[in-house]
Amino acid sequence: MAEDGFTIEWPLWGLELVDRAVGMDGALQVIDTFLYQPTWAQWADMELTAVVEEYCAPLVYQEAMGIPTPRLPPPCLLRFSEMDERGDPDPPIAEHEDVAREVVSALRLYDSGEFINPSEIGTYISEPGGMTTTRLVEVFRCAPYRWVAAAPYPVGSDDVEVLEAIQEGVHWLSTEPRHANASLALENFVLSFGFATGPAERGLHRFIALEALLGTFDRKVRGSSFAERAAHAADGVADAREWLEDAATLRNSLAHNIHDVTPSVDDLEMLELITRAAILSYLDHASSVETDKPLASFNRALSAGPVEGPS
């Protein structure tokens, strides 16, 4: 796509761009990253020829003939990179991958919905002029053409402003050492959505995230229990306090006997909602106070009630 530079793309299987035209003209810009819905022809240019022939050649043909196709390829994250004097991307691919991870984390924090983390699929790199595409494969070496999201993740133009604000917060967490615990919480929250991650592992990742922010279940801050502080952090999540009062049993079972425990769908959903709210609550608090110890400040604030971010 870029005539004089590199195009780096990551497919987002399960994402839906709800109000955008197909092709780059309909791209959403989130800071300096784009979300767009490729045509089948654009997807075929990215994907390996053998994979296209096996999984989607009829769709590429139908589109070329002007016949409506029953589905589209996955939306993609896209970034552009200039070429340095040696012919390499500038900035390097690793820096683009860092930004892509920030966008994915922002999406996870913004709302619920199914999409596969693109770092599990791979990175597509088109060289200047679009003549050659390199695919850096990850855990799953082939795109999941037969997978269908039970609850796709919709994104539209109305979501961009909030996504940009969250992405800026994610970048802040990942680059300032004083937010190391919150960064660990976010990392585990994102890991809890792994494509091949089972229910027990999902639950454990979310408990790790909560404890990174709030300490262990037996820790009190100014007389306030873990459940009280977590409920204050998740203010607005219905029934959170009641669920948290009994959560230690599930947490201990997962931590000490994970292979014999299967959290319920309801437990995992509640954990997701509480963990997402707690991380966002930390971002609100940390952005509104001046302190070298934001985690301690956050827990002291939660001991008194829900925290408020900047007005």
Protein backbone atom coordinates (compact mmCIF):
# COMPACT_ATOMS: atom_id res chain seq x y z
CA MET A 1 0.00 0.00 0.00
CA ALA A 2 2.87 2.38 0.70
CA GLU A 3 4.78 3.20 -2.47
CA ASP A 4 7.93 4.51 -0.78
CA GLY A 5 7.84 2.73 2.56
CA PHE A 6 6.73 -0.38 4.42
CA THR A 7 3.19 -1.41 5.34
CA ILE A 8 2.85 -3.49 8.52
CA GLU A 9 -0.45 -5.25 9.19
CA TRP A 10 -2.00 -7.51 11.81
CA PRO A 11 -5.32 -9.33 11.17
CA LEU A 12 -7.99 -9.00 13.87
CA TRP A 13 -10.14 -12.10 13.50
CA GLY A 14 -13.48 -11.51 15.25
CA LEU A 15 -13.45 -7.70 15.01
CA GLU A 16 -16.21 -5.98 13.05
CA LEU A 17 -15.98 -2.47 11.62
CA VAL A 18 -19.65 -1.61 11.83
CA ASP A 19 -19.95 1.70 9.96
CA ARG A 20 -16.98 1.75 7.62
CA ALA A 21 -16.59 1.21 3.91
CA VAL A 22 -14.51 -1.72 2.66
CA GLY A 23 -10.95 -0.76 1.71
CA MET A 24 -8.55 1.85 3.00
CA ASP A 25 -10.99 4.69 2.29
CA GLY A 26 -13.05 3.45 5.21
CA ALA A 27 -10.15 3.16 7.67
CA LEU A 28 -10.48 4.36 11.26
CA GLN A 29 -7.44 6.22 12.56
CA VAL A 30 -6.57 5.58 16.22
CA ILE A 31 -3.75 8.04 16.91
CA ASP A 32 -1.23 6.91 14.27
CA THR A 33 -2.59 3.40 13.66
CA PHE A 34 -5.34 2.46 11.23
CA LEU A 35 -8.16 -0.08 11.46
CA TYR A 36 -9.55 -1.04 8.07
CA GLN A 37 -11.63 -3.72 6.36
CA PRO A 38 -9.61 -5.19 3.47
CA THR A 39 -11.23 -6.40 0.30
CA TRP A 40 -10.61 -10.00 -0.68
CA ALA A 41 -8.16 -8.78 -3.30
CA GLN A 42 -6.21 -6.86 -0.65
CA TRP A 43 -6.28 -9.89 1.63
CA ALA A 44 -5.02 -12.16 -1.15
CA ASP A 45 -2.09 -9.79 -1.66
CA MET A 46 -1.20 -10.23 2.03
CA GLU A 47 -1.83 -13.93 2.50
CA LEU A 48 0.25 -16.84 1.26
CA THR A 49 -0.85 -18.03 -2.19
CA ALA A 50 -1.30 -21.64 -1.08
CA VAL A 51 -3.50 -20.57 1.85
CA VAL A 52 -5.65 -18.38 -0.40
CA GLU A 53 -6.11 -21.25 -2.86
CA GLU A 54 -7.18 -23.59 -0.09
CA TYR A 55 -9.47 -21.36 1.95
CA CYS A 56 -10.78 -18.36 0.06
CA ALA A 57 -10.05 -18.49 -3.68
CA PRO A 58 -13.80 -18.62 -4.57
CA LEU A 59 -14.39 -15.46 -2.52
CA VAL A 60 -11.54 -13.64 -4.23
CA TYR A 61 -13.01 -14.69 -7.60
CA GLN A 62 -16.58 -13.67 -6.66
CA GLU A 63 -15.41 -10.24 -5.58
CA ALA A 64 -13.42 -9.78 -8.79
CA MET A 65 -16.53 -10.66 -10.81
CA GLY A 66 -18.68 -8.21 -8.87
CA ILE A 67 -20.62 -10.96 -7.09
CA PRO A 68 -21.47 -10.21 -3.42
CA THR A 69 -19.49 -12.44 -1.05
CA PRO A 70 -21.08 -14.06 2.04
CA ARG A 71 -18.27 -12.82 4.29
CA LEU A 72 -15.21 -10.60 4.33
CA PRO A 73 -11.65 -11.21 5.50
CA PRO A 74 -10.77 -9.99 8.99
CA PRO A 75 -10.25 -6.28 9.64
CA CYS A 76 -6.61 -5.36 10.06
CA LEU A 77 -4.46 -3.09 12.17
CA LEU A 78 -2.19 -1.18 9.85
CA ARG A 79 0.86 1.02 10.30
CA PHE A 80 3.20 2.66 7.83
CA SER A 81 6.97 2.88 8.14
CA GLU A 82 9.51 4.83 6.17
CA MET A 83 12.60 3.16 4.71
CA ASP A 84 16.02 4.02 6.12
CA GLU A 85 19.27 4.33 4.16
CA ARG A 86 19.88 0.57 4.47
CA GLY A 87 16.45 -0.30 3.12
CA ASP A 88 15.03 -1.33 6.52
CA PRO A 89 11.84 -0.04 8.19
CA ASP A 90 12.31 3.16 10.20
CA PRO A 91 11.19 2.90 12.96
CA PRO A 92 11.94 -0.84 13.16
CA ILE A 93 9.24 -3.51 13.15
CA ALA A 94 9.62 -4.13 16.90
CA GLU A 95 8.49 -0.58 17.67
CA HIS A 96 5.46 -0.95 15.43
CA GLU A 97 4.62 -4.20 17.22
CA ASP A 98 4.76 -2.37 20.56
CA VAL A 99 2.22 0.17 19.32
CA ALA A 100 -0.01 -2.57 17.89
CA ARG A 101 -0.02 -4.25 21.30
CA GLU A 102 -1.09 -0.95 22.88
CA VAL A 103 -4.03 -0.71 20.49
CA VAL A 104 -5.05 -4.29 21.25
CA SER A 105 -4.81 -3.62 25.00
CA ALA A 106 -6.94 -0.50 24.57
CA LEU A 107 -9.58 -2.55 22.76
CA ARG A 108 -9.61 -5.11 25.58
CA LEU A 109 -10.02 -2.38 28.17
CA TYR A 110 -12.67 -0.56 26.19
CA ASP A 111 -15.27 -3.30 25.93
CA SER A 112 -16.08 -7.00 25.84
CA GLY A 113 -16.27 -9.02 22.64
CA GLU A 114 -14.36 -11.76 20.87
CA PHE A 115 -11.36 -11.15 18.67
CA ILE A 116 -8.08 -13.03 18.43
CA ASN A 117 -5.00 -11.21 19.62
CA PRO A 118 -3.08 -10.58 16.37
CA SER A 119 0.22 -11.37 18.10
CA GLU A 120 -0.97 -15.00 18.14
CA ILE A 121 -1.46 -15.07 14.36
CA GLY A 122 1.39 -13.11 12.83
CA THR A 123 2.60 -9.91 11.21
CA TYR A 124 2.36 -9.11 7.50
CA ILE A 125 5.04 -6.78 6.14
CA SER A 126 4.77 -5.36 2.61
CA GLU A 127 7.94 -3.86 1.20
CA PRO A 128 7.98 -0.54 -0.70
CA GLY A 129 5.84 -0.72 -3.81
CA GLY A 130 3.87 -3.65 -2.39
CA MET A 131 5.81 -6.14 -4.50
CA THR A 132 6.75 -8.52 -1.68
CA THR A 133 4.89 -9.49 1.49
CA THR A 134 6.66 -11.21 4.35
CA ARG A 135 4.61 -13.05 6.94
CA LEU A 136 6.09 -13.43 10.41
CA VAL A 137 4.09 -16.32 11.81
CA GLU A 138 3.38 -16.74 15.51
CA VAL A 139 1.69 -19.44 17.59
CA PHE A 140 -0.97 -20.31 15.02
CA ARG A 141 0.75 -20.74 11.67
CA CYS A 142 -2.43 -20.63 9.60
CA ALA A 143 -5.23 -18.07 9.69
CA PRO A 144 -8.36 -19.45 11.44
CA TYR A 145 -10.68 -19.35 8.43
CA ARG A 146 -13.19 -21.78 9.97
CA TRP A 147 -13.41 -19.95 13.31
CA VAL A 148 -16.50 -17.81 13.92
CA ALA A 149 -16.69 -15.46 16.90
CA ALA A 150 -19.73 -16.16 19.08
CA ALA A 151 -19.81 -12.50 20.14
CA PRO A 152 -17.87 -10.40 17.63
CA TYR A 153 -16.23 -7.17 18.79
CA PRO A 154 -17.81 -4.16 17.02
CA VAL A 155 -15.84 -0.95 16.49
CA GLY A 156 -17.08 2.21 14.81
CA SER A 157 -16.24 5.84 14.37
CA ASP A 158 -17.96 6.79 17.65
CA ASP A 159 -15.45 4.65 19.57
CA VAL A 160 -12.25 6.30 18.34
CA GLU A 161 -11.99 9.16 20.83
CA VAL A 162 -12.25 6.90 23.88
CA LEU A 163 -9.95 4.28 22.35
CA GLU A 164 -7.29 6.93 21.78
CA ALA A 165 -7.53 8.09 25.39
CA ILE A 166 -7.20 4.52 26.67
CA GLN A 167 -4.28 3.81 24.34
CA GLU A 168 -2.46 6.83 25.71
CA GLY A 169 -3.01 5.44 29.21
CA VAL A 170 -1.75 2.01 28.15
CA HIS A 171 1.40 3.60 26.74
CA TRP A 172 1.87 5.46 29.99
CA LEU A 173 1.64 2.23 32.01
CA SER A 174 4.13 0.40 29.81
CA THR A 175 6.79 3.12 29.79
CA GLU A 176 6.90 4.41 33.38
CA PRO A 177 8.48 2.08 35.99
CA ARG A 178 6.29 3.40 38.81
CA HIS A 179 3.32 1.73 37.08
CA ALA A 180 4.98 -1.70 36.93
CA ASN A 181 2.21 -3.44 38.90
CA ALA A 182 -0.51 -1.94 36.75
CA SER A 183 1.43 -2.93 33.63
CA LEU A 184 1.58 -6.51 34.98
CA ALA A 185 -2.16 -6.38 35.62
CA LEU A 186 -2.84 -5.26 32.07
CA GLU A 187 -0.51 -7.90 30.61
CA ASN A 188 -2.36 -10.67 32.43
CA PHE A 189 -5.76 -9.26 31.54
CA VAL A 190 -4.84 -9.37 27.85
CA LEU A 191 -3.38 -12.88 28.23
CA SER A 192 -6.70 -14.04 29.68
CA PHE A 193 -8.23 -13.72 26.19
CA GLY A 194 -5.76 -16.11 24.56
CA PHE A 195 -7.24 -18.01 21.62
CA ALA A 196 -6.27 -21.42 23.00
CA THR A 197 -6.48 -20.43 26.68
CA GLY A 198 -8.89 -22.58 28.68
CA PRO A 199 -11.39 -21.31 31.27
CA ALA A 200 -9.14 -22.06 34.25
CA GLU A 201 -6.18 -20.20 32.76
CA ARG A 202 -8.42 -17.28 31.84
CA GLY A 203 -9.65 -17.04 35.40
CA LEU A 204 -6.17 -17.31 36.89
CA HIS A 205 -4.80 -14.56 34.64
CA ARG A 206 -7.61 -12.26 35.77
CA PHE A 207 -7.01 -12.98 39.44
CA ILE A 208 -3.29 -12.30 38.94
CA ALA A 209 -4.24 -8.97 37.37
CA LEU A 210 -6.46 -8.03 40.32
CA GLU A 211 -3.85 -9.00 42.89
CA ALA A 212 -1.19 -7.01 41.03
CA LEU A 213 -3.35 -3.95 41.69
CA LEU A 214 -4.88 -4.72 45.08
CA GLY A 215 -2.51 -7.13 46.81
CA THR A 216 -3.38 -10.58 48.09
CA PHE A 217 -6.89 -11.51 49.18
CA ASP A 218 -5.94 -11.37 52.86
CA ARG A 219 -4.43 -7.89 52.66
CA LYS A 220 -6.24 -4.96 54.22
CA VAL A 221 -5.56 -1.28 53.60
CA ARG A 222 -6.74 1.08 56.33
CA GLY A 223 -9.10 -1.65 57.46
CA SER A 224 -10.54 -2.17 53.98
CA SER A 225 -10.55 -5.74 52.68
CA PHE A 226 -9.62 -6.92 49.20
CA ALA A 227 -13.31 -7.43 48.37
CA GLU A 228 -14.20 -3.91 49.51
CA ARG A 229 -11.45 -2.26 47.50
CA ALA A 230 -12.12 -4.39 44.43
CA ALA A 231 -15.82 -3.54 44.61
CA HIS A 232 -14.98 0.16 44.87
CA ALA A 233 -12.64 -0.17 41.87
CA ALA A 234 -15.45 -1.90 39.96
CA ASP A 235 -18.09 0.61 40.98
CA GLY A 236 -20.98 0.23 38.57
CA VAL A 237 -20.52 -3.51 37.97
CA ALA A 238 -23.75 -5.05 39.23
CA ASP A 239 -23.41 -7.58 42.05
CA ALA A 240 -19.61 -7.20 42.13
CA ARG A 241 -19.37 -6.85 45.90
CA GLU A 242 -21.47 -9.95 46.57
CA TRP A 243 -19.45 -12.00 44.07
CA LEU A 244 -16.13 -10.78 45.47
CA GLU A 245 -16.99 -11.84 49.01
CA ASP A 246 -16.80 -15.48 47.88
CA ALA A 247 -14.12 -15.08 45.20
CA ALA A 248 -11.21 -16.18 47.41
CA THR A 249 -12.39 -19.81 47.21
CA LEU A 250 -12.27 -19.80 43.41
CA ARG A 251 -8.97 -17.95 43.40
CA ASN A 252 -7.34 -20.48 45.74
CA SER A 253 -8.68 -23.43 43.77
CA LEU A 254 -7.24 -22.02 40.55
CA ALA A 255 -3.91 -21.15 42.14
CA HIS A 256 -3.37 -24.52 43.82
CA ASN A 257 -5.38 -27.06 41.83
CA ILE A 258 -5.92 -25.51 38.40
CA HIS A 259 -6.22 -28.78 36.45
CA ASP A 260 -9.28 -29.85 38.45
CA VAL A 261 -11.16 -26.54 38.35
CA THR A 262 -13.40 -25.13 35.63
CA PRO A 263 -14.79 -21.67 36.36
CA SER A 264 -18.34 -21.07 35.20
CA VAL A 265 -19.15 -18.74 32.32
CA ASP A 266 -20.74 -16.37 34.83
CA ASP A 267 -17.63 -16.37 37.04
CA LEU A 268 -15.37 -15.61 34.09
CA GLU A 269 -17.65 -12.83 32.89
CA MET A 270 -17.75 -11.25 36.34
CA LEU A 271 -13.97 -11.52 36.62
CA GLU A 272 -13.58 -9.88 33.23
CA LEU A 273 -15.87 -6.98 34.14
CA ILE A 274 -14.25 -6.41 37.54
CA THR A 275 -10.69 -6.65 36.23
CA ARG A 276 -11.35 -4.31 33.32
CA ALA A 277 -13.01 -1.79 35.64
CA ALA A 278 -10.16 -2.01 38.18
CA ILE A 279 -7.47 -1.28 35.59
CA LEU A 280 -9.46 1.65 34.18
CA SER A 281 -10.02 2.88 37.73
CA TYR A 282 -6.27 2.81 38.33
CA LEU A 283 -5.71 4.81 35.14
CA ASP A 284 -8.24 7.40 36.30
CA HIS A 285 -6.66 7.70 39.72
CA ALA A 286 -3.03 7.70 38.60
CA SER A 287 -3.72 10.42 36.04
CA SER A 288 -5.26 12.67 38.68
CA VAL A 289 -2.63 12.53 41.47
CA GLU A 290 1.01 13.51 41.76
CA THR A 291 2.84 10.71 43.56
CA ASP A 292 5.85 8.44 43.15
CA LYS A 293 3.80 5.58 44.62
CA PRO A 294 0.56 5.50 42.61
CA LEU A 295 -0.30 1.92 43.63
CA ALA A 296 -0.26 2.72 47.34
CA SER A 297 -2.20 5.91 46.69
CA PHE A 298 -4.75 3.97 44.65
CA ASN A 299 -5.38 1.43 47.41
CA ARG A 300 -5.66 4.12 50.07
CA ALA A 301 -8.22 5.91 47.93
CA LEU A 302 -10.17 2.69 47.35
CA SER A 303 -10.33 2.02 51.08
CA ALA A 304 -12.58 5.07 51.33
CA GLY A 305 -14.72 4.42 48.24
CA PRO A 306 -14.73 4.54 44.44
CA VAL A 307 -12.01 6.74 42.96
CA GLU A 308 -12.67 9.63 40.64
CA GLY A 309 -10.57 10.53 37.66
CA PRO A 310 -9.87 13.99 36.32
CA SER A 311 -12.92 16.06 35.50
